[in-house]
Amino acid sequence: MITYDERDLVGRLSGLGRESKTFFAVLCAEMPLYRRYVDGSGDGDLEVLRGIVERVGGCSRIRAVI
């Protein structure tokens, strides 16, 4: 089970640059919506999105957060 620890999250995000913070925000906002779209419509491909996330995340300090 994943727990929400705001203090820990804020601490981990504080060391990130603007681009990484933006990526993290987009990921948090879009991933659940896209998953719901794929599940409901049968269209789309979560693995493609996960690959993009891995590629972008691997190129930045965002890996420390996710």
N, C-alpha and C. Protein backbone atom coordinates (compact mmCIF):
# COMPACT_ATOMS: atom_id res chain seq x y z
N MET A 1 0.83 -1.18 0.00
CA MET A 1 0.00 0.00 0.00
C MET A 1 0.88 1.24 0.00
N ILE A 2 0.53 2.18 -0.83
CA ILE A 2 1.26 3.44 -0.92
C ILE A 2 0.65 4.42 0.07
N THR A 3 1.49 5.06 0.86
CA THR A 3 1.01 6.07 1.79
C THR A 3 1.48 7.44 1.33
N TYR A 4 0.73 8.44 1.69
CA TYR A 4 1.04 9.81 1.31
C TYR A 4 1.73 10.50 2.47
N ASP A 5 2.96 10.90 2.27
CA ASP A 5 3.73 11.61 3.29
C ASP A 5 4.12 12.95 2.68
N GLU A 6 3.31 13.96 2.95
CA GLU A 6 3.52 15.27 2.32
C GLU A 6 4.90 15.84 2.64
N ARG A 7 5.32 15.74 3.88
CA ARG A 7 6.63 16.29 4.27
C ARG A 7 7.76 15.64 3.46
N ASP A 8 7.70 14.32 3.33
CA ASP A 8 8.72 13.60 2.56
C ASP A 8 8.67 14.01 1.09
N LEU A 9 7.48 14.07 0.53
CA LEU A 9 7.34 14.43 -0.88
C LEU A 9 7.85 15.84 -1.16
N VAL A 10 7.48 16.79 -0.32
CA VAL A 10 7.95 18.17 -0.50
C VAL A 10 9.48 18.22 -0.40
N GLY A 11 10.03 17.48 0.55
CA GLY A 11 11.48 17.45 0.68
C GLY A 11 12.17 16.89 -0.54
N ARG A 12 11.61 15.84 -1.09
CA ARG A 12 12.20 15.21 -2.28
C ARG A 12 12.04 16.10 -3.51
N LEU A 13 10.92 16.79 -3.62
CA LEU A 13 10.68 17.67 -4.77
C LEU A 13 11.51 18.95 -4.70
N SER A 14 11.85 19.39 -3.52
CA SER A 14 12.55 20.67 -3.37
C SER A 14 13.92 20.68 -4.06
N GLY A 15 14.53 19.53 -4.22
CA GLY A 15 15.83 19.46 -4.87
C GLY A 15 15.78 19.38 -6.39
N LEU A 16 14.58 19.32 -6.94
CA LEU A 16 14.43 19.20 -8.39
C LEU A 16 14.39 20.56 -9.07
N GLY A 17 14.84 20.59 -10.30
CA GLY A 17 14.75 21.80 -11.11
C GLY A 17 13.34 22.00 -11.64
N ARG A 18 13.13 23.11 -12.26
CA ARG A 18 11.81 23.48 -12.78
C ARG A 18 11.27 22.45 -13.77
N GLU A 19 12.12 21.99 -14.69
CA GLU A 19 11.67 21.04 -15.71
C GLU A 19 11.23 19.72 -15.07
N SER A 20 11.99 19.26 -14.10
CA SER A 20 11.66 18.00 -13.44
C SER A 20 10.38 18.13 -12.62
N LYS A 21 10.19 19.27 -11.97
CA LYS A 21 8.95 19.50 -11.22
C LYS A 21 7.76 19.53 -12.17
N THR A 22 7.94 20.13 -13.34
CA THR A 22 6.87 20.18 -14.33
C THR A 22 6.54 18.77 -14.81
N PHE A 23 7.56 17.99 -15.11
CA PHE A 23 7.35 16.60 -15.55
C PHE A 23 6.59 15.82 -14.48
N PHE A 24 6.99 15.96 -13.23
CA PHE A 24 6.33 15.26 -12.14
C PHE A 24 4.86 15.66 -12.05
N ALA A 25 4.57 16.94 -12.17
CA ALA A 25 3.18 17.42 -12.09
C ALA A 25 2.34 16.87 -13.23
N VAL A 26 2.88 16.88 -14.44
CA VAL A 26 2.15 16.35 -15.59
C VAL A 26 1.91 14.85 -15.41
N LEU A 27 2.91 14.14 -14.96
CA LEU A 27 2.76 12.71 -14.73
C LEU A 27 1.66 12.42 -13.72
N CYS A 28 1.65 13.15 -12.63
CA CYS A 28 0.63 12.94 -11.59
C CYS A 28 -0.77 13.24 -12.12
N ALA A 29 -0.88 14.25 -12.96
CA ALA A 29 -2.19 14.65 -13.47
C ALA A 29 -2.68 13.75 -14.59
N GLU A 30 -1.80 13.35 -15.48
CA GLU A 30 -2.23 12.66 -16.69
C GLU A 30 -2.27 11.14 -16.61
N MET A 31 -1.39 10.52 -15.87
CA MET A 31 -1.31 9.06 -15.84
C MET A 31 -2.64 8.43 -15.40
N PRO A 32 -3.25 8.87 -14.31
CA PRO A 32 -4.52 8.24 -13.91
C PRO A 32 -5.63 8.47 -14.94
N LEU A 33 -5.65 9.64 -15.55
CA LEU A 33 -6.68 9.93 -16.56
C LEU A 33 -6.49 9.05 -17.80
N TYR A 34 -5.24 8.90 -18.22
CA TYR A 34 -4.97 8.07 -19.39
C TYR A 34 -5.29 6.61 -19.10
N ARG A 35 -4.95 6.14 -17.90
CA ARG A 35 -5.27 4.77 -17.53
C ARG A 35 -6.79 4.54 -17.56
N ARG A 36 -7.54 5.49 -17.06
CA ARG A 36 -9.00 5.38 -17.08
C ARG A 36 -9.53 5.36 -18.52
N TYR A 37 -8.94 6.20 -19.37
CA TYR A 37 -9.33 6.24 -20.78
C TYR A 37 -9.07 4.88 -21.44
N VAL A 38 -7.88 4.34 -21.24
CA VAL A 38 -7.52 3.05 -21.84
C VAL A 38 -8.45 1.95 -21.33
N ASP A 39 -8.68 1.92 -20.03
CA ASP A 39 -9.55 0.89 -19.45
C ASP A 39 -10.98 1.00 -19.97
N GLY A 40 -11.46 2.22 -20.14
CA GLY A 40 -12.85 2.42 -20.56
C GLY A 40 -13.09 2.27 -22.05
N SER A 41 -12.10 2.63 -22.85
CA SER A 41 -12.31 2.65 -24.30
C SER A 41 -11.65 1.47 -25.02
N GLY A 42 -10.62 0.91 -24.42
CA GLY A 42 -9.86 -0.13 -25.10
C GLY A 42 -8.85 0.44 -26.08
N ASP A 43 -8.85 1.74 -26.26
CA ASP A 43 -7.88 2.42 -27.13
C ASP A 43 -6.66 2.80 -26.29
N GLY A 44 -5.61 3.21 -26.98
CA GLY A 44 -4.42 3.68 -26.29
C GLY A 44 -3.52 2.52 -25.87
N ASP A 45 -2.39 2.88 -25.30
CA ASP A 45 -1.40 1.88 -24.92
C ASP A 45 -0.62 2.39 -23.72
N LEU A 46 -0.92 1.84 -22.55
CA LEU A 46 -0.23 2.26 -21.34
C LEU A 46 1.26 1.98 -21.39
N GLU A 47 1.65 0.93 -22.07
CA GLU A 47 3.08 0.59 -22.14
C GLU A 47 3.87 1.66 -22.91
N VAL A 48 3.25 2.27 -23.91
CA VAL A 48 3.92 3.36 -24.63
C VAL A 48 4.13 4.53 -23.69
N LEU A 49 3.08 4.88 -22.93
CA LEU A 49 3.21 5.98 -21.98
C LEU A 49 4.25 5.66 -20.92
N ARG A 50 4.25 4.44 -20.41
CA ARG A 50 5.26 4.06 -19.41
C ARG A 50 6.67 4.16 -19.99
N GLY A 51 6.83 3.78 -21.25
CA GLY A 51 8.13 3.91 -21.89
C GLY A 51 8.60 5.35 -21.99
N ILE A 52 7.67 6.23 -22.31
CA ILE A 52 8.00 7.66 -22.37
C ILE A 52 8.39 8.17 -21.00
N VAL A 53 7.63 7.78 -20.00
CA VAL A 53 7.93 8.19 -18.63
C VAL A 53 9.31 7.69 -18.21
N GLU A 54 9.61 6.45 -18.53
CA GLU A 54 10.93 5.90 -18.19
C GLU A 54 12.05 6.65 -18.91
N ARG A 55 11.83 6.94 -20.18
CA ARG A 55 12.87 7.63 -20.95
C ARG A 55 13.11 9.04 -20.42
N VAL A 56 12.04 9.78 -20.20
CA VAL A 56 12.19 11.15 -19.69
C VAL A 56 12.68 11.12 -18.25
N GLY A 57 12.11 10.24 -17.45
CA GLY A 57 12.53 10.14 -16.05
C GLY A 57 13.97 9.72 -15.90
N GLY A 58 14.44 8.89 -16.79
CA GLY A 58 15.83 8.45 -16.74
C GLY A 58 16.81 9.55 -17.10
N CYS A 59 16.33 10.59 -17.74
CA CYS A 59 17.19 11.68 -18.17
C CYS A 59 17.21 12.85 -17.18
N SER A 60 16.51 12.71 -16.09
CA SER A 60 16.43 13.83 -15.15
C SER A 60 16.50 13.32 -13.72
N ARG A 61 16.50 14.24 -12.80
CA ARG A 61 16.56 13.88 -11.38
C ARG A 61 15.21 13.45 -10.84
N ILE A 62 14.21 13.39 -11.70
CA ILE A 62 12.88 12.99 -11.28
C ILE A 62 12.88 11.56 -10.74
N ARG A 63 13.86 10.74 -11.13
CA ARG A 63 13.94 9.36 -10.65
C ARG A 63 14.00 9.32 -9.13
N ALA A 64 14.54 10.35 -8.51
CA ALA A 64 14.65 10.37 -7.06
C ALA A 64 13.27 10.49 -6.40
N VAL A 65 12.29 10.94 -7.15
CA VAL A 65 10.95 11.15 -6.59
C VAL A 65 10.05 9.99 -6.89
N ILE A 66 10.08 9.47 -8.12
CA ILE A 66 9.20 8.37 -8.49
C ILE A 66 9.94 7.12 -8.28
